[in-house]
Amino acid sequence: MKKAPAAVLLLLNGELADPALVRRLARRCGWLVCADGGARHALRLGLRPDAVVGDMDSVPRPLPRAWRRTLYWCDFDENSSDFEKALRFVARAGCGRLYVAGLFGGRLDHSLVNLALVRGFGTRRGLVVVDRGMATLLGPGRYRLAFKRGDLLSLLAAAAGTRLTVSGVRYPMRRAVLAEGSRGLSNVARGPVAVTVHSGLVWAISPVPFL
């Protein structure tokens, strides 16, 4: 495969809440990677994966002829999920922003493990969860989020001792301390939103695409 692009779309085997958004992201991203059974979503959407990663127990059978140039990266490590294997694959390839769809649905324990992996991976590089909208983790730093006037967003603490400043919203904050809970839920953008995370970790979540 060629060098990893600036943006990669990763499909997991959970529910695709917004297939149209997934198709748009597939056109935007340089690579489409599937974590094993996520390849079935690619087949239903008419997309050709650049790579399929995992133990290959849930890929479509027979494999589509149009996927002859797809890379199949077999990883039989029984101590890690297919999502974890796919994260290792894209990390080694040196990808930039990673969009992940199909994270939820099915078994609750799988969903909780997936969220834990997002937190570990997402604090080191840009990872965006794609569901009914988007969510991403913001560590210390300054961010400008591409919202439009009237867009709904939530900024929720994901770690103890989280402190942030937010402007460009109906309910601004200045060096506010957020506990892990509901404070920061359901704000409204007045246009592009500026966020400074002074400490801690913040979930930025919206029902509309903003990254």
Protein backbone atom coordinates (compact mmCIF):
# COMPACT_ATOMS: atom_id res chain seq x y z
CA MET A 1 0.00 0.00 0.00
CA LYS A 2 1.04 3.57 -0.58
CA LYS A 3 1.95 5.90 2.26
CA ALA A 4 -0.90 6.58 4.69
CA PRO A 5 -2.94 9.69 3.79
CA ALA A 6 -3.97 12.56 6.00
CA ALA A 7 -7.38 10.98 6.73
CA VAL A 8 -8.49 7.35 7.07
CA LEU A 9 -11.98 5.88 7.51
CA LEU A 10 -12.15 2.74 9.67
CA LEU A 11 -15.29 0.59 9.59
CA LEU A 12 -16.11 -1.67 12.53
CA ASN A 13 -18.79 -4.36 12.70
CA GLY A 14 -21.33 -2.41 14.80
CA GLU A 15 -24.33 -0.41 13.67
CA LEU A 16 -23.89 2.23 10.98
CA ALA A 17 -26.28 4.89 12.23
CA ASP A 18 -25.78 7.21 9.22
CA PRO A 19 -24.70 5.31 6.08
CA ALA A 20 -24.90 8.48 3.94
CA LEU A 21 -22.36 10.22 6.19
CA VAL A 22 -20.09 7.17 5.99
CA ARG A 23 -20.21 7.29 2.19
CA ARG A 24 -19.30 10.99 2.21
CA LEU A 25 -16.36 10.35 4.52
CA ALA A 26 -15.19 7.45 2.33
CA ARG A 27 -14.96 9.87 -0.61
CA ARG A 28 -13.06 12.39 1.53
CA CYS A 29 -10.57 9.96 3.10
CA GLY A 30 -7.54 8.58 1.32
CA TRP A 31 -7.92 5.07 2.76
CA LEU A 32 -10.81 2.86 3.78
CA VAL A 33 -9.80 0.24 6.37
CA CYS A 34 -12.15 -2.42 7.72
CA ALA A 35 -11.76 -4.23 11.02
CA ASP A 36 -12.75 -7.77 9.97
CA GLY A 37 -16.59 -7.82 9.95
CA GLY A 38 -16.64 -4.12 9.10
CA ALA A 39 -15.94 -5.32 5.55
CA ARG A 40 -19.60 -6.35 5.33
CA HIS A 41 -20.59 -2.70 5.70
CA ALA A 42 -18.19 -1.77 2.90
CA LEU A 43 -19.79 -4.40 0.66
CA ARG A 44 -23.33 -3.15 1.37
CA LEU A 45 -22.27 0.46 0.70
CA GLY A 46 -20.50 -0.43 -2.55
CA LEU A 47 -17.09 0.59 -1.21
CA ARG A 48 -13.76 -1.16 -1.83
CA PRO A 49 -11.50 -1.36 1.24
CA ASP A 50 -7.84 -0.55 0.91
CA ALA A 51 -7.18 -2.95 3.80
CA VAL A 52 -9.05 -5.47 5.96
CA VAL A 53 -7.45 -6.17 9.35
CA GLY A 54 -8.26 -8.92 11.86
CA ASP A 55 -8.57 -12.69 12.16
CA MET A 56 -10.82 -12.82 9.06
CA ASP A 57 -13.59 -14.84 10.71
CA SER A 58 -16.33 -12.36 9.72
CA VAL A 59 -15.35 -11.10 6.26
CA PRO A 60 -17.82 -11.60 3.37
CA ARG A 61 -17.66 -15.00 1.66
CA PRO A 62 -16.84 -15.25 -1.15
CA LEU A 63 -14.71 -12.16 -1.35
CA PRO A 64 -15.82 -9.74 -4.07
CA ARG A 65 -13.76 -9.89 -7.25
CA ALA A 66 -13.57 -6.09 -7.20
CA TRP A 67 -11.51 -6.37 -4.00
CA ARG A 68 -8.54 -8.04 -5.69
CA ARG A 69 -6.27 -5.12 -4.79
CA THR A 70 -7.39 -5.04 -1.15
CA LEU A 71 -4.71 -5.84 1.43
CA TYR A 72 -5.74 -8.51 3.98
CA TRP A 73 -3.69 -8.10 7.16
CA CYS A 74 -4.20 -11.22 9.27
CA ASP A 75 -3.70 -10.85 13.02
CA PHE A 76 -4.65 -13.83 15.19
CA ASP A 77 -3.79 -12.28 18.56
CA GLU A 78 -6.52 -13.67 20.84
CA ASN A 79 -5.84 -11.03 23.51
CA SER A 80 -6.94 -8.06 21.40
CA SER A 81 -10.12 -7.16 19.53
CA ASP A 82 -10.27 -6.53 15.81
CA PHE A 83 -10.67 -2.82 16.56
CA GLU A 84 -7.43 -2.83 18.56
CA LYS A 85 -5.66 -4.68 15.75
CA ALA A 86 -6.90 -2.13 13.23
CA LEU A 87 -5.76 0.76 15.46
CA ARG A 88 -2.28 -0.76 15.62
CA PHE A 89 -2.28 -1.14 11.84
CA VAL A 90 -3.17 2.50 11.09
CA ALA A 91 -0.80 3.74 13.80
CA ARG A 92 2.11 1.85 12.27
CA ALA A 93 1.16 3.20 8.85
CA GLY A 94 1.34 6.75 10.25
CA CYS A 95 -2.13 7.95 9.32
CA GLY A 96 -3.37 11.39 10.33
CA ARG A 97 -7.01 11.89 11.32
CA LEU A 98 -8.93 8.66 11.83
CA TYR A 99 -12.72 8.47 11.43
CA VAL A 100 -14.28 5.39 13.07
CA ALA A 101 -17.80 4.19 12.20
CA GLY A 102 -19.66 1.12 13.49
CA LEU A 103 -18.34 1.52 17.03
CA PHE A 104 -21.62 0.75 18.80
CA GLY A 105 -24.39 -1.82 18.58
CA GLY A 106 -24.47 -5.45 19.55
CA ARG A 107 -22.83 -6.50 22.79
CA LEU A 108 -22.49 -3.94 25.58
CA ASP A 109 -19.07 -5.23 26.64
CA HIS A 110 -17.76 -4.72 23.10
CA SER A 111 -19.04 -1.13 23.09
CA LEU A 112 -17.37 -0.37 26.43
CA VAL A 113 -14.07 -1.87 25.28
CA ASN A 114 -14.27 0.16 22.07
CA LEU A 115 -14.80 3.39 24.04
CA ALA A 116 -11.78 2.59 26.22
CA LEU A 117 -9.67 2.06 23.09
CA VAL A 118 -10.92 5.35 21.63
CA ARG A 119 -9.86 7.15 24.78
CA GLY A 120 -6.38 5.60 24.75
CA PHE A 121 -5.79 6.13 21.03
CA GLY A 122 -7.68 9.40 20.66
CA THR A 123 -5.58 11.29 23.19
CA ARG A 124 -2.46 10.65 21.10
CA ARG A 125 -3.81 11.47 17.63
CA GLY A 126 -7.01 12.77 16.02
CA LEU A 127 -9.73 10.14 16.25
CA VAL A 128 -13.33 11.01 15.36
CA VAL A 129 -16.22 8.72 16.30
CA VAL A 130 -18.89 8.69 13.58
CA ASP A 131 -22.40 7.74 14.63
CA ARG A 132 -25.47 10.03 14.51
CA GLY A 133 -23.06 12.93 14.11
CA MET A 134 -19.49 13.05 15.39
CA ALA A 135 -17.50 13.01 18.63
CA THR A 136 -13.83 13.54 19.35
CA LEU A 137 -11.57 13.86 22.38
CA LEU A 138 -9.73 17.14 22.99
CA GLY A 139 -6.67 17.22 25.23
CA PRO A 140 -4.90 20.38 26.47
CA GLY A 141 -4.60 22.96 23.70
CA ARG A 142 -6.57 25.40 21.55
CA TYR A 143 -9.15 24.30 18.99
CA ARG A 144 -11.44 25.96 16.45
CA LEU A 145 -14.46 23.80 15.61
CA ALA A 146 -16.33 24.34 12.34
CA PHE A 147 -19.88 24.81 13.59
CA LYS A 148 -22.60 26.92 12.03
CA ARG A 149 -25.04 29.18 13.84
CA GLY A 150 -27.71 27.11 15.57
CA ASP A 151 -25.75 23.83 15.63
CA LEU A 152 -26.12 21.81 18.81
CA LEU A 153 -22.95 20.69 20.60
CA SER A 154 -21.87 19.26 23.93
CA LEU A 155 -18.48 19.62 25.64
CA LEU A 156 -18.24 17.00 28.36
CA ALA A 157 -15.42 16.22 30.76
CA ALA A 158 -13.73 12.88 30.15
CA ALA A 159 -11.24 13.15 33.02
CA ALA A 160 -11.05 14.58 36.52
CA GLY A 161 -9.69 18.12 36.84
CA THR A 162 -10.91 19.24 33.43
CA ARG A 163 -10.86 23.01 32.91
CA LEU A 164 -11.79 24.80 29.70
CA THR A 165 -12.71 28.10 28.05
CA VAL A 166 -15.38 28.19 25.32
CA SER A 167 -16.54 31.07 23.12
CA GLY A 168 -18.83 31.35 20.11
CA VAL A 169 -21.69 29.60 21.94
CA ARG A 170 -24.92 30.58 23.66
CA TYR A 171 -23.48 29.59 27.05
CA PRO A 172 -19.79 30.55 27.08
CA MET A 173 -17.37 29.39 29.75
CA ARG A 174 -14.14 30.94 31.03
CA ARG A 175 -11.67 28.63 32.74
CA ALA A 176 -14.65 26.59 33.95
CA VAL A 177 -14.06 23.41 35.90
CA LEU A 178 -16.07 20.48 34.54
CA ALA A 179 -16.81 17.40 36.58
CA GLU A 180 -17.58 14.18 34.72
CA GLY A 181 -21.34 14.59 34.35
CA SER A 182 -23.92 16.69 32.57
CA ARG A 183 -22.38 20.17 32.75
CA GLY A 184 -21.54 21.22 29.20
CA LEU A 185 -24.45 19.26 27.73
CA SER A 186 -26.54 20.77 24.89
CA ASN A 187 -24.94 24.12 24.12
CA VAL A 188 -25.71 26.03 20.89
CA ALA A 189 -23.15 27.43 18.45
CA ARG A 190 -23.32 31.02 17.21
CA GLY A 191 -20.84 30.18 14.46
CA PRO A 192 -17.32 28.66 14.64
CA VAL A 193 -16.54 27.65 18.22
CA ALA A 194 -13.22 28.32 19.97
CA VAL A 195 -12.25 25.90 22.73
CA THR A 196 -9.21 26.04 25.00
CA VAL A 197 -8.65 22.96 27.17
CA HIS A 198 -6.46 24.18 30.02
CA SER A 199 -6.27 20.77 31.69
CA GLY A 200 -7.92 17.39 31.52
CA LEU A 201 -9.79 15.83 28.62
CA VAL A 202 -13.01 16.87 26.87
CA TRP A 203 -15.49 15.09 24.61
CA ALA A 204 -16.69 17.39 21.80
CA ILE A 205 -19.95 15.91 20.50
CA SER A 206 -22.52 17.07 17.97
CA PRO A 207 -25.35 15.55 15.93
CA VAL A 208 -23.93 17.40 12.91
CA PRO A 209 -20.55 16.75 11.25
CA PHE A 210 -18.00 19.36 12.36
CA LEU A 211 -14.61 17.80 11.55
